[in-house]
């Protein structure tokens, strides 16, 4: 196993006083809160937790190599930007089955990778000296229900391939999970880390499969498997990908263009949500934390929970004439009605210091600002 990220948490755990003292002398270079403005955008995307501070300090010397599958989605691109700040531009390899835009191609290394082709993935791991795999390739909930056979291949068979590579080459592997991993029998408000799950979509079934198989590989083979159950992730950077929570992205563009939005969920449908910066920061912190300090292999993370009506009201406080109507898509409503309303993330906060920064008001402010800038740029 390479040195680098695997040893980061151990440095913090074994030498906390010396690390903190050393970091205080370089705080301006790693985004100490006293050295930056108070706006969200001026903060570095990684947090000031001990693990992330050490990761920031050693980025120029680390030889860790990271492969991100499904890397051209909003999460893959966002995570790549943050990890490249830590490990260097060439140390983070994006992969996908579609062609990157010129901007994406210029941002750092990219390789075509079919996650269903184990031999192809094996060559990439060997040829690029990969230490971590972040497995983002997946068909989302609503799309998956429209093509179950394809969802089974992409969301289940690819997990087998990634875990086998992790076992074979002693890799650290991160596979995200989701609110979709729970079902109507689960406690919904709040939903704890460990409870009955029994999801009712192929997307959710595949995620539970990944959680359990990853834990099995950890206990059976010692694979450093990690997973976070993401809420609905909100970002202005990429077009929505067919998820049930995507209304919370679409609504901002409609508010700024037409002033009206047709929501495909009922007005009182409460779901947990998170702004993408919090999601990426949580992922980086979690990946850098020492494995032996984790009490679970899969954790919930939570930031906010709202209904379409509550989100619309927050937008109306900033765009007075905004109107929302409800054109419910029953297939999507049926999915949402089985999902958690809120996550209990007490274990993540206790075990590795997770803490969110964006609530509903902060979310609305940043989404309106960034969506407007994106629209203005497209019109030029």
Protein backbone atom coordinates (compact mmCIF):
# COMPACT_ATOMS: atom_id res chain seq x y z
CA UNK A 1 0.00 0.00 0.00
CA UNK A 2 1.30 3.45 -0.85
CA UNK A 3 1.96 5.99 1.82
CA UNK A 4 -0.19 9.08 1.70
CA UNK A 5 -3.82 9.29 2.58
CA UNK A 6 -3.84 5.94 4.37
CA UNK A 7 -1.46 7.41 6.96
CA UNK A 8 -3.08 10.82 7.31
CA UNK A 9 -5.45 10.03 10.13
CA UNK A 10 -2.75 8.08 11.95
CA UNK A 11 -0.59 11.22 12.04
CA UNK A 12 -3.42 13.13 13.67
CA UNK A 13 -4.27 10.41 16.16
CA UNK A 14 -0.70 9.75 17.25
CA UNK A 15 0.65 13.29 17.36
CA UNK A 16 -2.24 15.72 17.93
CA UNK A 17 -0.28 18.44 19.75
CA UNK A 18 2.63 18.52 17.34
CA UNK A 19 0.31 18.48 14.31
CA UNK A 20 -1.86 21.30 15.59
CA UNK A 21 1.18 23.37 16.51
CA UNK A 22 2.68 22.79 13.09
CA UNK A 23 -0.55 23.62 11.31
CA UNK A 24 -1.02 26.87 13.20
CA UNK A 25 2.16 28.19 11.64
CA UNK A 26 0.86 27.53 8.11
CA UNK A 27 -2.79 28.41 8.70
CA UNK A 28 -2.95 31.13 6.03
CA UNK A 29 -2.11 28.54 3.36
CA UNK A 30 -4.76 26.07 4.42
CA UNK A 31 -7.73 28.33 4.90
CA UNK A 32 -7.73 29.03 8.67
CA UNK A 33 -10.98 30.78 9.50
CA UNK A 34 -9.17 33.93 10.74
CA UNK A 35 -7.42 34.35 7.43
CA UNK A 36 -10.40 34.32 5.08
CA UNK A 37 -13.54 36.34 4.52
CA UNK A 38 -16.75 35.14 6.08
CA UNK A 39 -18.53 34.35 2.81
CA UNK A 40 -19.16 30.73 1.87
CA UNK A 41 -17.38 31.02 -1.47
CA UNK A 42 -14.15 32.29 0.12
CA UNK A 43 -13.78 29.21 2.29
CA UNK A 44 -11.76 26.29 1.00
CA UNK A 45 -13.87 23.34 0.01
CA UNK A 46 -12.12 21.07 2.47
CA UNK A 47 -12.83 21.62 6.17
CA UNK A 48 -10.55 22.60 9.03
CA UNK A 49 -10.87 19.25 10.80
CA UNK A 50 -7.51 17.73 11.81
CA UNK A 51 -7.57 15.08 9.07
CA UNK A 52 -8.28 17.62 6.34
CA UNK A 53 -5.70 20.06 7.63
CA UNK A 54 -3.02 17.40 7.47
CA UNK A 55 -4.21 16.41 3.99
CA UNK A 56 -3.84 20.03 2.91
CA UNK A 57 -0.37 20.33 4.38
CA UNK A 58 1.00 17.22 2.66
CA UNK A 59 -0.66 17.66 -0.72
CA UNK A 60 2.59 18.54 -2.51
CA UNK A 61 4.33 15.42 -1.14
CA UNK A 62 1.56 12.86 -1.33
CA UNK A 63 1.75 10.14 -3.99
CA UNK A 64 -1.86 9.01 -3.47
CA UNK A 65 -3.72 8.26 -6.72
CA UNK A 66 -7.51 8.47 -6.89
CA UNK A 67 -9.84 7.06 -9.57
CA UNK A 68 -13.35 8.52 -9.70
CA UNK A 69 -15.87 6.53 -11.76
CA UNK A 70 -18.87 8.37 -13.14
CA UNK A 71 -16.56 11.33 -12.81
CA UNK A 72 -18.31 13.72 -15.17
CA UNK A 73 -21.36 14.07 -12.95
CA UNK A 74 -21.74 16.98 -10.54
CA UNK A 75 -20.35 15.03 -7.60
CA UNK A 76 -17.39 13.59 -9.48
CA UNK A 77 -16.29 16.94 -10.87
CA UNK A 78 -16.72 18.66 -7.51
CA UNK A 79 -14.81 15.98 -5.62
CA UNK A 80 -12.05 15.98 -8.22
CA UNK A 81 -11.52 19.73 -7.81
CA UNK A 82 -11.11 19.34 -4.06
CA UNK A 83 -8.88 16.28 -4.17
CA UNK A 84 -6.67 17.86 -6.82
CA UNK A 85 -6.07 20.74 -4.43
CA UNK A 86 -4.84 18.20 -1.90
CA UNK A 87 -2.88 15.72 -4.01
CA UNK A 88 -2.07 17.59 -7.20
CA UNK A 89 -3.83 17.78 -10.53
CA UNK A 90 -2.35 14.59 -12.01
CA UNK A 91 -3.14 12.47 -8.96
CA UNK A 92 -6.91 12.40 -9.49
CA UNK A 93 -8.15 10.48 -12.53
CA UNK A 94 -11.71 11.05 -13.75
CA UNK A 95 -13.42 8.31 -15.72
CA UNK A 96 -16.74 8.01 -17.52
CA UNK A 97 -18.29 6.55 -20.66
CA UNK A 98 -19.09 9.94 -22.18
CA UNK A 99 -16.82 12.54 -23.70
CA UNK A 100 -15.72 15.38 -21.40
CA UNK A 101 -16.26 18.97 -22.44
CA UNK A 102 -13.12 20.92 -23.39
CA UNK A 103 -13.20 22.57 -19.96
CA UNK A 104 -13.54 19.22 -18.20
CA UNK A 105 -10.79 17.69 -20.29
CA UNK A 106 -8.45 20.58 -19.47
CA UNK A 107 -9.10 20.30 -15.73
CA UNK A 108 -7.04 17.14 -15.29
CA UNK A 109 -6.52 13.52 -16.37
CA UNK A 110 -9.46 11.64 -17.87
CA UNK A 111 -9.86 8.07 -19.11
CA UNK A 112 -12.73 6.18 -20.68
CA UNK A 113 -13.86 3.43 -18.32
CA UNK A 114 -16.77 1.04 -18.57
CA UNK A 115 -17.45 0.01 -14.96
CA UNK A 116 -18.95 -3.27 -16.18
CA UNK A 117 -15.62 -4.28 -17.74
CA UNK A 118 -13.52 -5.65 -14.89
CA UNK A 119 -10.42 -6.26 -16.99
CA UNK A 120 -10.48 -2.69 -18.32
CA UNK A 121 -10.79 -1.32 -14.79
CA UNK A 122 -7.96 -3.58 -13.64
CA UNK A 123 -5.67 -2.15 -16.34
CA UNK A 124 -6.51 1.39 -15.24
CA UNK A 125 -5.75 0.60 -11.60
CA UNK A 126 -2.42 -1.01 -12.49
CA UNK A 127 -1.30 1.45 -15.17
CA UNK A 128 -2.15 4.54 -13.11
CA UNK A 129 -1.08 3.20 -9.72
CA UNK A 130 -4.50 3.80 -8.17
CA UNK A 131 -4.77 3.78 -4.35
CA UNK A 132 -8.42 4.86 -3.95
CA UNK A 133 -11.56 4.26 -5.97
CA UNK A 134 -14.52 6.60 -5.56
CA UNK A 135 -17.38 4.82 -7.28
CA UNK A 136 -19.97 7.37 -8.43
CA UNK A 137 -21.26 5.50 -11.50
CA UNK A 138 -24.98 4.79 -11.07
CA UNK A 139 -28.42 5.21 -12.58
CA UNK A 140 -30.53 7.37 -10.25
CA UNK A 141 -33.88 6.46 -8.72
CA UNK A 142 -36.41 7.64 -11.28
CA UNK A 143 -34.33 6.65 -14.32
CA UNK A 144 -33.57 3.27 -12.78
CA UNK A 145 -37.25 2.43 -12.44
CA UNK A 146 -37.68 2.99 -16.17
CA UNK A 147 -34.89 0.56 -17.08
CA UNK A 148 -34.49 -2.02 -14.31
CA UNK A 149 -32.21 -4.45 -16.23
CA UNK A 150 -29.75 -1.65 -17.01
CA UNK A 151 -29.94 -0.37 -13.42
CA UNK A 152 -29.12 -3.85 -12.13
CA UNK A 153 -26.03 -3.98 -14.34
CA UNK A 154 -24.75 -0.48 -13.62
CA UNK A 155 -25.70 -0.26 -9.94
CA UNK A 156 -24.97 -3.84 -8.82
CA UNK A 157 -22.49 -5.53 -11.15
CA UNK A 158 -20.19 -2.52 -11.12
CA UNK A 159 -20.05 -2.65 -7.31
CA UNK A 160 -18.86 -6.25 -7.53
CA UNK A 161 -16.08 -5.16 -9.88
CA UNK A 162 -14.96 -2.27 -7.70
CA UNK A 163 -14.91 -4.32 -4.50
CA UNK A 164 -12.97 -7.11 -6.20
CA UNK A 165 -10.37 -4.58 -7.35
CA UNK A 166 -10.18 -3.17 -3.81
CA UNK A 167 -9.58 -6.68 -2.46
CA UNK A 168 -7.06 -7.60 -5.15
CA UNK A 169 -5.00 -4.40 -4.99
CA UNK A 170 -5.57 -3.35 -1.36
CA UNK A 171 -7.42 -0.16 -2.28
CA UNK A 172 -9.49 2.21 -0.20
CA UNK A 173 -12.97 2.32 -1.74
CA UNK A 174 -15.81 4.80 -1.29
CA UNK A 175 -19.27 3.96 -2.63
CA UNK A 176 -21.97 6.51 -1.78
CA UNK A 177 -25.36 5.42 -0.54
CA UNK A 178 -28.57 7.42 -0.39
CA UNK A 179 -31.90 8.23 1.21
CA UNK A 180 -33.22 5.74 -1.35
CA UNK A 181 -31.68 2.89 0.68
CA UNK A 182 -34.69 3.03 3.02
CA UNK A 183 -38.30 1.96 2.55
CA UNK A 184 -41.77 2.46 4.04
CA UNK A 185 -41.01 0.15 6.99
CA UNK A 186 -38.04 2.31 8.01
CA UNK A 187 -38.35 4.98 10.70
CA UNK A 188 -38.75 8.16 8.66
CA UNK A 189 -38.41 11.09 11.07
CA UNK A 190 -35.61 10.73 11.92
CA UNK A 191 -34.03 7.74 10.20
CA UNK A 192 -31.10 6.26 12.16
CA UNK A 193 -27.95 4.70 10.73
CA UNK A 194 -28.98 1.16 11.62
CA UNK A 195 -32.61 0.11 11.20
CA UNK A 196 -34.84 -1.92 8.90
CA UNK A 197 -34.36 -0.72 5.30
CA UNK A 198 -36.22 -2.77 2.68
CA UNK A 199 -36.30 -0.16 -0.15
CA UNK A 200 -38.86 -0.46 -2.93
CA UNK A 201 -36.83 0.78 -5.92
CA UNK A 202 -34.04 -0.97 -7.80
CA UNK A 203 -31.85 2.06 -7.00
CA UNK A 204 -32.42 1.59 -3.28
CA UNK A 205 -32.05 -2.19 -3.41
CA UNK A 206 -28.71 -1.76 -5.19
CA UNK A 207 -27.51 0.71 -2.58
CA UNK A 208 -28.38 -1.61 0.31
CA UNK A 209 -26.58 -4.36 -1.60
CA UNK A 210 -23.50 -2.11 -1.88
CA UNK A 211 -23.60 -1.22 1.82
CA UNK A 212 -23.84 -4.82 2.96
CA UNK A 213 -21.39 -6.25 0.45
CA UNK A 214 -18.90 -3.50 1.26
CA UNK A 215 -19.16 -4.31 4.96
CA UNK A 216 -18.70 -8.00 4.15
CA UNK A 217 -15.54 -7.27 2.17
CA UNK A 218 -14.30 -5.15 5.07
CA UNK A 219 -14.84 -7.87 7.67
CA UNK A 220 -13.92 -10.83 5.44
CA UNK A 221 -10.96 -9.40 3.51
CA UNK A 222 -9.97 -6.25 5.38
CA UNK A 223 -11.01 -3.92 2.54
CA UNK A 224 -11.18 -0.29 3.67
CA UNK A 225 -14.76 0.21 2.49
CA UNK A 226 -16.57 3.46 3.32
CA UNK A 227 -19.99 4.84 2.46
CA UNK A 228 -22.06 7.92 3.23
CA UNK A 229 -25.82 8.05 2.77
CA UNK A 230 -26.28 11.26 0.84
CA UNK A 231 -29.49 13.28 1.09
CA UNK A 232 -30.78 14.98 -2.06
CA UNK A 233 -27.78 16.95 -3.38
CA UNK A 234 -28.37 20.45 -4.73
CA UNK A 235 -25.99 22.15 -7.16
CA UNK A 236 -26.14 24.74 -9.91
CA UNK A 237 -23.25 23.32 -11.91
CA UNK A 238 -24.71 20.38 -13.81
CA UNK A 239 -28.11 19.53 -15.23
CA UNK A 240 -30.22 17.23 -13.02
CA UNK A 241 -29.73 13.53 -13.66
CA UNK A 242 -33.22 12.09 -13.19
CA UNK A 243 -33.41 11.89 -9.42
CA UNK A 244 -36.55 12.24 -7.32
CA UNK A 245 -35.11 15.24 -5.46
CA UNK A 246 -34.13 17.11 -8.63
CA UNK A 247 -37.05 19.53 -8.31
CA UNK A 248 -34.92 21.31 -5.70
CA UNK A 249 -32.39 22.12 -8.46
CA UNK A 250 -34.82 22.90 -11.30
CA UNK A 251 -36.83 25.35 -9.20
CA UNK A 252 -34.08 27.98 -9.10
CA UNK A 253 -33.67 28.30 -12.86
CA UNK A 254 -37.44 28.52 -13.31
CA UNK A 255 -37.67 31.18 -10.60
CA UNK A 256 -35.10 33.33 -12.40
CA UNK A 257 -36.40 32.83 -15.95
CA UNK A 258 -40.18 32.44 -16.01
CA UNK A 259 -41.00 33.19 -12.38
CA UNK A 260 -43.09 30.00 -12.25
CA UNK A 261 -42.32 26.40 -11.45
CA UNK A 262 -44.31 23.18 -11.91
CA UNK A 263 -43.28 20.78 -9.15
CA UNK A 264 -43.57 17.02 -9.72
CA UNK A 265 -43.99 16.30 -5.98
CA UNK A 266 -46.79 17.26 -3.61
CA UNK A 267 -46.39 20.49 -1.65
CA UNK A 268 -45.88 18.80 1.73
CA UNK A 269 -43.35 16.15 0.64
CA UNK A 270 -40.52 16.50 3.16
CA UNK A 271 -37.11 15.14 2.20
CA UNK A 272 -33.55 15.62 3.51
CA UNK A 273 -31.37 17.83 1.32
CA UNK A 274 -27.79 19.12 1.22
CA UNK A 275 -25.86 21.74 -0.74
CA UNK A 276 -23.08 20.19 -2.80
CA UNK A 277 -20.26 22.02 -1.01
CA UNK A 278 -21.27 20.39 2.27
CA UNK A 279 -21.52 17.01 0.55
CA UNK A 280 -18.05 17.24 -0.99
CA UNK A 281 -16.53 18.50 2.24
CA UNK A 282 -18.11 15.63 4.18
CA UNK A 283 -16.77 13.13 1.65
CA UNK A 284 -13.22 14.48 1.77
CA UNK A 285 -13.20 14.56 5.58
CA UNK A 286 -14.63 11.06 5.83
CA UNK A 287 -12.18 9.62 3.31
CA UNK A 288 -9.23 11.11 5.17
CA UNK A 289 -10.27 9.91 8.62
CA UNK A 290 -8.42 6.95 10.21
CA UNK A 291 -10.24 3.71 9.55
CA UNK A 292 -9.78 2.31 13.05
CA UNK A 293 -11.59 5.31 14.55
CA UNK A 294 -14.81 4.63 12.63
CA UNK A 295 -17.56 2.76 14.48
CA UNK A 296 -19.52 2.18 11.24
CA UNK A 297 -18.66 1.65 7.59
CA UNK A 298 -21.81 3.48 6.41
CA UNK A 299 -23.03 6.73 7.96
CA UNK A 300 -25.99 9.07 7.47
CA UNK A 301 -25.15 12.75 6.89
CA UNK A 302 -27.77 15.49 7.24
CA UNK A 303 -27.94 19.24 6.67
CA UNK A 304 -31.56 20.35 6.18
CA UNK A 305 -35.03 19.00 5.50
CA UNK A 306 -37.77 20.88 3.67
CA UNK A 307 -40.90 20.54 1.54
CA UNK A 308 -41.46 22.09 -1.92
CA UNK A 309 -43.78 24.61 -0.29
CA UNK A 310 -41.14 25.64 2.25
CA UNK A 311 -38.47 25.98 -0.43
CA UNK A 312 -40.82 28.06 -2.58
CA UNK A 313 -41.56 30.34 0.39
CA UNK A 314 -37.84 30.92 0.92
CA UNK A 315 -37.48 31.84 -2.77
CA UNK A 316 -40.49 34.16 -2.58
CA UNK A 317 -38.78 36.15 0.16
CA UNK A 318 -36.20 37.05 -2.48
CA UNK A 319 -38.31 36.96 -5.67
CA UNK A 320 -41.69 38.32 -4.61
CA UNK A 321 -43.63 37.37 -7.74
CA UNK A 322 -42.44 33.76 -7.88
CA UNK A 323 -45.25 31.20 -8.16
CA UNK A 324 -45.25 27.43 -7.72
CA UNK A 325 -47.84 24.93 -8.92
CA UNK A 326 -48.01 21.19 -8.46
CA UNK A 327 -48.14 18.75 -11.37
CA UNK A 328 -47.45 15.57 -9.45
CA UNK A 329 -45.74 12.68 -11.24
CA UNK A 330 -47.14 9.74 -9.33
CA UNK A 331 -44.20 7.45 -10.05
CA UNK A 332 -41.86 9.96 -8.40
CA UNK A 333 -44.28 10.74 -5.58
CA UNK A 334 -44.55 7.06 -4.73
CA UNK A 335 -40.77 6.91 -4.41
CA UNK A 336 -40.54 10.03 -2.24
CA UNK A 337 -43.30 8.82 0.09
CA UNK A 338 -41.15 5.84 1.08
CA UNK A 339 -38.00 7.81 1.81
CA UNK A 340 -36.77 9.40 5.06
CA UNK A 341 -37.99 12.85 6.02
CA UNK A 342 -34.91 13.52 8.12
CA UNK A 343 -31.64 11.71 8.75
CA UNK A 344 -30.24 11.08 12.21
CA UNK A 345 -26.52 11.73 11.68
CA UNK A 346 -25.42 11.82 15.33
CA UNK A 347 -22.83 9.08 14.75
CA UNK A 348 -21.11 10.98 11.94
CA UNK A 349 -20.96 14.11 14.08
CA UNK A 350 -19.59 12.17 17.04
CA UNK A 351 -17.18 9.79 15.30
CA UNK A 352 -15.47 12.02 12.73
CA UNK A 353 -16.67 15.55 13.41
CA UNK A 354 -19.18 16.03 10.60
CA UNK A 355 -20.93 19.42 10.65
CA UNK A 356 -22.88 21.17 7.89
CA UNK A 357 -22.58 24.83 6.93
CA UNK A 358 -25.61 25.43 4.68
CA UNK A 359 -29.20 25.63 5.88
CA UNK A 360 -32.24 26.54 3.77
CA UNK A 361 -31.60 30.30 3.70
CA UNK A 362 -27.92 29.89 2.83
CA UNK A 363 -28.87 27.35 0.16
CA UNK A 364 -31.38 29.67 -1.49
CA UNK A 365 -28.96 32.60 -1.47
CA UNK A 366 -26.11 30.70 -3.08
CA UNK A 367 -28.29 28.85 -5.59
CA UNK A 368 -29.99 32.01 -6.83
CA UNK A 369 -26.66 33.79 -7.12
CA UNK A 370 -24.86 30.98 -8.94
CA UNK A 371 -27.79 30.07 -11.17
CA UNK A 372 -28.14 33.72 -12.22
CA UNK A 373 -24.44 33.89 -13.04
CA UNK A 374 -24.75 30.71 -15.09
CA UNK A 375 -27.76 32.06 -16.99
CA UNK A 376 -26.04 35.40 -17.62
CA UNK A 377 -22.97 33.62 -18.95
CA UNK A 378 -25.04 31.46 -21.29
CA UNK A 379 -26.80 34.51 -22.77
CA UNK A 380 -23.57 36.23 -23.78
